[in-house]
Amino acid sequence: MIAREHVGARIIFRKGAAIPAPPVPVPAGWLAARYSLVSSGTELRRLVGTANGDDHPAGYMTVVGPPGGEQRLVPVPHGAAAKPDDQRSLPIPAATRPEHVAVARFQVMAALGLERWASYCLAHEAVVVVGGGPVAVGCVLELKRLGVAHVLVVTRHPQPAVADLPDVAVVTQSPPGDPTHSVVIDCTGRSAQALEMVAPGGLLGLLGTAADEADLSSAAVHRRGVAVVGMHELAGHSNESRQAMFQTVLQLVTIAIDIDARRGWFTTVPGEQAGRFYAALVSAQRPTPPFAILEWS
């Protein structure tokens, strides 16, 4: 028998729509869901994929644990209960605000992905980040933590959260002409557009999950001598190293990010209303805050 790692997913992607699922009893000794963090890019691709495919439980980042006590961020579907001894989980100190957890969760992706390339990024005066969503915000925060002097963000997001950060310039497109950026980090999953911004001999970091494996031309990479670096947070990192990095990032985020002054960064939705939230995501009424939190009563 295969041991279950979660039970009671509360949202099912079915035929291109998000369908709420009723709660189920939490098994004895397991931890109930408190809230979930939305990764809109990856989840929208999964949602669209169910239009002509199989059902899929929504999400993969849920915070579980007792109210007021230490909780854990576990890679299980939205609203699911999890085992307390899940080795993949990231510990969260008691009384930590969900908004801080949301920011830290995306910054730790960048922290792990950039860890081997920190010295390379610091060797250049500026680093380009492509994207305006939560992955991009986390990437910018991590670059500033590392000490990168200037960050240029390329995004068409109407209200990019990164515009609030110091020493960060935001443009809607890279200036035309020969690319001059030695370090470009793609946070959108559309790596072809990012490759066009990298100078010959430069580095392209893939932090966002690519939607199409054929999107990046190996011939273009070869001709321009660009180094392409995969920056998936699970690649080459132990559970212990991920937990340690998350603690480091969460402590800094808790101190540095004033949640009340950054209300435009966040949207919080009761989990029972997730159907309307996902419908808005795929429509022209898509919410603009990068960090979305689904609450479970």
Protein backbone atom coordinates (compact mmCIF):
# COMPACT_ATOMS: atom_id res chain seq x y z
CA MET A 1 0.00 0.00 0.00
CA ILE A 2 1.27 3.51 -0.86
CA ALA A 3 1.34 5.75 2.21
CA ARG A 4 -0.78 8.86 1.81
CA GLU A 5 0.99 12.19 2.33
CA HIS A 6 -2.18 14.27 2.41
CA VAL A 7 -5.95 13.97 2.55
CA GLY A 8 -8.86 16.28 1.85
CA ALA A 9 -7.84 18.54 -1.04
CA ARG A 10 -10.39 21.37 -0.98
CA ILE A 11 -10.22 22.54 -4.62
CA ILE A 12 -10.34 20.33 -7.73
CA PHE A 13 -9.51 21.58 -11.21
CA ARG A 14 -12.11 19.98 -13.47
CA LYS A 15 -12.84 20.79 -17.12
CA GLY A 16 -11.14 24.17 -16.88
CA ALA A 17 -12.90 25.29 -13.69
CA ALA A 18 -12.00 25.28 -9.99
CA ILE A 19 -14.55 23.20 -8.05
CA PRO A 20 -14.70 23.45 -4.23
CA ALA A 21 -14.62 20.08 -2.48
CA PRO A 22 -16.29 19.49 0.90
CA PRO A 23 -14.07 19.12 3.95
CA VAL A 24 -13.30 15.63 5.19
CA PRO A 25 -12.44 14.52 8.73
CA VAL A 26 -8.76 15.02 9.58
CA PRO A 27 -7.16 11.66 10.43
CA ALA A 28 -6.07 11.23 14.03
CA GLY A 29 -2.64 12.69 14.58
CA TRP A 30 -2.60 14.65 11.31
CA LEU A 31 -2.46 18.45 11.03
CA ALA A 32 -5.38 20.43 9.61
CA ALA A 33 -4.96 23.12 6.95
CA ARG A 34 -4.95 26.77 8.04
CA TYR A 35 -4.24 28.56 4.77
CA SER A 36 -2.73 27.96 1.34
CA LEU A 37 -0.42 29.98 -0.90
CA VAL A 38 -1.30 30.33 -4.58
CA SER A 39 1.33 29.98 -7.31
CA SER A 40 -0.77 31.51 -10.05
CA GLY A 41 1.43 30.72 -13.08
CA THR A 42 1.82 27.00 -12.44
CA GLU A 43 -1.73 26.61 -11.21
CA LEU A 44 -3.28 28.35 -14.20
CA ARG A 45 -1.42 26.02 -16.55
CA ARG A 46 -2.79 23.04 -14.62
CA LEU A 47 -6.27 24.53 -14.59
CA VAL A 48 -6.28 25.08 -18.35
CA GLY A 49 -4.85 21.59 -18.87
CA THR A 50 -7.94 20.00 -17.32
CA ALA A 51 -10.22 21.48 -20.00
CA ASN A 52 -9.54 18.38 -22.11
CA GLY A 53 -7.76 16.25 -19.54
CA ASP A 54 -8.07 14.58 -16.16
CA ASP A 55 -9.04 16.28 -12.92
CA HIS A 56 -6.21 17.71 -10.83
CA PRO A 57 -6.16 18.84 -7.19
CA ALA A 58 -5.33 22.53 -7.05
CA GLY A 59 -2.19 23.90 -5.47
CA TYR A 60 0.81 22.49 -3.70
CA MET A 61 1.57 24.85 -0.78
CA THR A 62 -0.54 24.58 2.35
CA VAL A 63 0.21 25.67 5.90
CA VAL A 64 -0.97 23.17 8.52
CA GLY A 65 -0.89 23.06 12.29
CA PRO A 66 -2.64 24.23 15.45
CA PRO A 67 -3.97 27.78 15.71
CA GLY A 68 -1.53 29.94 17.65
CA GLY A 69 1.19 27.28 17.68
CA GLU A 70 4.08 26.31 15.44
CA GLN A 71 2.85 25.49 11.98
CA ARG A 72 4.40 23.92 8.88
CA LEU A 73 4.38 24.75 5.19
CA VAL A 74 3.86 21.44 3.40
CA PRO A 75 3.85 20.67 -0.35
CA VAL A 76 0.29 19.33 -0.45
CA PRO A 77 -2.83 20.51 -2.34
CA HIS A 78 -4.79 23.51 -1.16
CA GLY A 79 -6.66 22.85 2.07
CA ALA A 80 -5.37 19.31 2.57
CA ALA A 81 -4.38 17.86 5.93
CA ALA A 82 -0.83 16.51 6.26
CA LYS A 83 1.19 14.24 8.50
CA PRO A 84 3.14 16.01 11.23
CA ASP A 85 6.36 14.19 10.34
CA ASP A 86 6.43 15.09 6.63
CA GLN A 87 10.15 15.56 5.99
CA ARG A 88 9.48 17.99 3.13
CA SER A 89 7.76 20.53 5.39
CA LEU A 90 9.17 23.94 6.36
CA PRO A 91 8.65 24.98 10.02
CA ILE A 92 6.91 28.28 10.80
CA PRO A 93 7.29 29.85 14.26
CA ALA A 94 4.12 30.56 16.24
CA ALA A 95 2.36 33.89 15.54
CA THR A 96 4.04 34.37 12.14
CA ARG A 97 1.74 36.31 9.84
CA PRO A 98 0.57 34.48 6.70
CA GLU A 99 1.69 37.40 4.53
CA HIS A 100 5.28 37.03 5.74
CA VAL A 101 5.13 33.29 5.05
CA ALA A 102 3.87 34.00 1.51
CA VAL A 103 6.74 36.37 0.73
CA ALA A 104 9.35 34.08 2.29
CA ARG A 105 8.02 31.05 0.44
CA PHE A 106 8.72 32.70 -2.92
CA GLN A 107 11.97 34.29 -1.83
CA VAL A 108 13.34 30.94 -0.69
CA MET A 109 12.82 29.63 -4.23
CA ALA A 110 15.21 32.31 -5.44
CA ALA A 111 17.58 31.84 -2.51
CA LEU A 112 18.04 28.15 -3.32
CA GLY A 113 18.12 28.69 -7.07
CA LEU A 114 20.65 31.52 -6.89
CA GLU A 115 22.83 30.03 -4.15
CA ARG A 116 25.47 28.62 -6.50
CA TRP A 117 25.48 31.79 -8.63
CA ALA A 118 25.52 34.49 -5.96
CA SER A 119 29.14 35.46 -6.63
CA TYR A 120 28.44 35.69 -10.38
CA CYS A 121 25.49 38.02 -9.78
CA LEU A 122 27.53 40.18 -7.41
CA ALA A 123 30.31 40.47 -9.98
CA HIS A 124 28.00 42.57 -12.17
CA GLU A 125 26.62 45.97 -11.31
CA ALA A 126 23.08 45.16 -12.39
CA VAL A 127 20.92 42.06 -12.75
CA VAL A 128 17.79 41.86 -14.93
CA VAL A 129 14.68 40.10 -13.61
CA VAL A 130 11.91 39.27 -16.09
CA GLY A 131 8.42 39.08 -14.56
CA GLY A 132 6.13 40.87 -12.15
CA GLY A 133 4.50 38.05 -10.16
CA PRO A 134 5.41 36.48 -6.81
CA VAL A 135 8.43 34.60 -8.19
CA ALA A 136 9.86 37.87 -9.51
CA VAL A 137 9.22 39.67 -6.21
CA GLY A 138 10.96 36.88 -4.33
CA CYS A 139 13.87 37.00 -6.78
CA VAL A 140 14.32 40.76 -6.39
CA LEU A 141 14.22 40.50 -2.60
CA GLU A 142 16.84 37.75 -2.68
CA LEU A 143 19.12 39.70 -5.02
CA LYS A 144 18.94 42.66 -2.64
CA ARG A 145 19.66 40.34 0.30
CA LEU A 146 22.76 39.10 -1.52
CA GLY A 147 23.92 42.67 -2.04
CA VAL A 148 23.27 43.24 -5.76
CA ALA A 149 23.47 47.02 -6.21
CA HIS A 150 20.92 47.52 -8.99
CA VAL A 151 18.05 45.39 -10.28
CA LEU A 152 16.19 46.08 -13.51
CA VAL A 153 12.74 44.45 -13.70
CA VAL A 154 11.13 43.92 -17.09
CA THR A 155 7.39 43.41 -16.73
CA ARG A 156 4.07 44.50 -18.19
CA HIS A 157 2.32 43.96 -14.89
CA PRO A 158 0.04 46.99 -14.41
CA GLN A 159 1.00 47.49 -10.76
CA PRO A 160 4.28 45.68 -10.10
CA ALA A 161 4.98 45.24 -6.41
CA VAL A 162 8.73 45.47 -7.02
CA ALA A 163 8.32 49.14 -7.90
CA ASP A 164 8.01 49.77 -4.14
CA LEU A 165 11.53 48.49 -3.45
CA PRO A 166 14.66 50.68 -3.34
CA ASP A 167 17.29 50.56 -6.09
CA VAL A 168 14.91 48.71 -8.41
CA ALA A 169 14.06 50.11 -11.84
CA VAL A 170 10.96 48.86 -13.68
CA VAL A 171 10.44 48.96 -17.46
CA THR A 172 7.83 47.39 -19.69
CA GLN A 173 10.35 46.05 -22.19
CA SER A 174 14.08 45.77 -22.60
CA PRO A 175 15.57 48.61 -24.69
CA PRO A 176 15.89 47.67 -28.38
CA GLY A 177 19.27 46.95 -29.93
CA ASP A 178 22.04 44.55 -29.04
CA PRO A 179 21.52 42.95 -25.61
CA THR A 180 23.94 44.20 -22.97
CA HIS A 181 22.71 42.43 -19.85
CA SER A 182 25.22 39.94 -18.50
CA VAL A 183 22.80 38.35 -16.01
CA VAL A 184 19.10 37.82 -16.77
CA ILE A 185 16.80 35.77 -14.56
CA ASP A 186 13.48 34.68 -16.04
CA CYS A 187 10.61 34.37 -13.56
CA THR A 188 7.81 33.89 -16.08
CA GLY A 189 8.47 30.49 -17.62
CA ARG A 190 8.73 32.13 -21.07
CA SER A 191 12.47 31.80 -21.42
CA ALA A 192 12.72 32.72 -25.13
CA GLN A 193 11.92 36.36 -24.41
CA ALA A 194 14.49 36.43 -21.62
CA LEU A 195 17.17 34.91 -23.85
CA GLU A 196 16.84 37.87 -26.21
CA MET A 197 17.96 40.17 -23.38
CA VAL A 198 21.17 38.31 -22.50
CA ALA A 199 24.48 39.62 -23.84
CA PRO A 200 26.76 37.14 -25.65
CA GLY A 201 28.65 35.14 -23.05
CA GLY A 202 26.13 36.06 -20.36
CA LEU A 203 24.00 33.99 -18.02
CA LEU A 204 20.30 33.16 -18.25
CA GLY A 205 18.74 31.83 -15.05
CA LEU A 206 15.48 29.89 -15.29
CA LEU A 207 13.66 30.48 -12.02
CA GLY A 208 10.11 30.41 -13.37
CA THR A 209 8.73 27.03 -14.43
CA ALA A 210 8.84 26.71 -18.21
CA ALA A 211 5.52 26.00 -19.87
CA ASP A 212 6.99 24.55 -23.07
CA GLU A 213 10.16 22.47 -23.25
CA ALA A 214 10.73 23.58 -26.87
CA ASP A 215 10.52 27.27 -26.01
CA LEU A 216 14.29 27.84 -25.67
CA SER A 217 16.34 27.48 -28.86
CA SER A 218 19.49 25.46 -28.25
CA ALA A 219 20.90 26.85 -31.50
CA ALA A 220 20.49 30.43 -30.24
CA VAL A 221 22.10 29.49 -26.92
CA HIS A 222 25.03 27.90 -28.75
CA ARG A 223 25.62 30.75 -31.19
CA ARG A 224 25.68 33.38 -28.45
CA GLY A 225 27.63 31.38 -25.90
CA VAL A 226 25.01 31.94 -23.21
CA ALA A 227 25.09 29.83 -20.06
CA VAL A 228 21.60 28.58 -19.17
CA VAL A 229 21.09 27.66 -15.53
CA GLY A 230 18.11 25.77 -14.16
CA MET A 231 17.12 27.19 -10.77
CA HIS A 232 14.46 24.78 -9.51
CA GLU A 233 14.32 24.94 -5.73
CA LEU A 234 14.38 21.16 -5.27
CA ALA A 235 17.35 20.47 -7.56
CA GLY A 236 20.38 19.46 -5.53
CA HIS A 237 19.08 20.64 -2.16
CA SER A 238 18.37 18.42 0.83
CA ASN A 239 15.32 18.86 3.03
CA GLU A 240 17.62 20.14 5.78
CA SER A 241 19.20 22.81 3.57
CA ARG A 242 15.79 23.97 2.36
CA GLN A 243 14.52 24.23 5.93
CA ALA A 244 17.59 26.19 7.02
CA MET A 245 17.35 28.61 4.10
CA PHE A 246 13.63 29.12 4.69
CA GLN A 247 14.29 30.03 8.32
CA THR A 248 16.95 32.54 7.26
CA VAL A 249 14.69 34.16 4.69
CA LEU A 250 11.59 34.15 6.90
CA GLN A 251 13.43 35.91 9.72
CA LEU A 252 14.62 38.64 7.35
CA VAL A 253 11.22 39.04 5.68
CA THR A 254 9.50 39.35 9.06
CA ILE A 255 11.80 42.24 9.93
CA ALA A 256 12.07 43.93 6.54
CA ILE A 257 8.54 43.72 5.08
CA ASP A 258 5.95 45.97 6.71
CA ILE A 259 2.75 44.11 5.85
CA ASP A 260 0.45 46.98 6.75
CA ALA A 261 2.38 49.32 4.46
CA ARG A 262 2.35 46.76 1.63
CA ARG A 263 -1.36 45.89 1.56
CA GLY A 264 -1.32 46.13 -2.23
CA TRP A 265 0.95 43.09 -2.34
CA PHE A 266 -1.66 40.71 -0.93
CA THR A 267 -5.13 39.34 -1.52
CA THR A 268 -6.77 37.00 0.99
CA VAL A 269 -9.72 34.85 -0.06
CA PRO A 270 -11.88 32.44 1.96
CA GLY A 271 -11.15 28.99 0.56
CA GLU A 272 -14.84 28.38 -0.01
CA GLN A 273 -14.81 31.23 -2.56
CA ALA A 274 -11.85 29.85 -4.50
CA GLY A 275 -14.02 29.09 -7.53
CA ARG A 276 -14.68 32.77 -8.13
CA PHE A 277 -11.04 33.63 -7.43
CA TYR A 278 -9.74 31.24 -10.12
CA ALA A 279 -12.42 32.39 -12.55
CA ALA A 280 -11.08 35.93 -12.09
CA LEU A 281 -7.52 34.72 -12.65
CA VAL A 282 -8.34 33.47 -16.15
CA SER A 283 -10.39 36.54 -17.04
CA ALA A 284 -9.70 40.18 -17.76
CA GLN A 285 -10.47 40.86 -14.07
CA ARG A 286 -7.32 39.08 -12.89
CA PRO A 287 -6.29 40.30 -9.40
CA THR A 288 -3.11 42.39 -9.48
CA PRO A 289 -1.52 41.60 -6.06
CA PRO A 290 1.30 39.06 -6.49
CA PHE A 291 0.62 37.13 -3.28
CA ALA A 292 -2.70 35.29 -2.90
CA ILE A 293 -3.69 33.46 0.28
CA LEU A 294 -6.62 31.04 0.61
CA GLU A 295 -7.96 30.79 4.16
CA TRP A 296 -9.45 27.59 5.61
CA SER A 297 -11.80 27.84 8.58
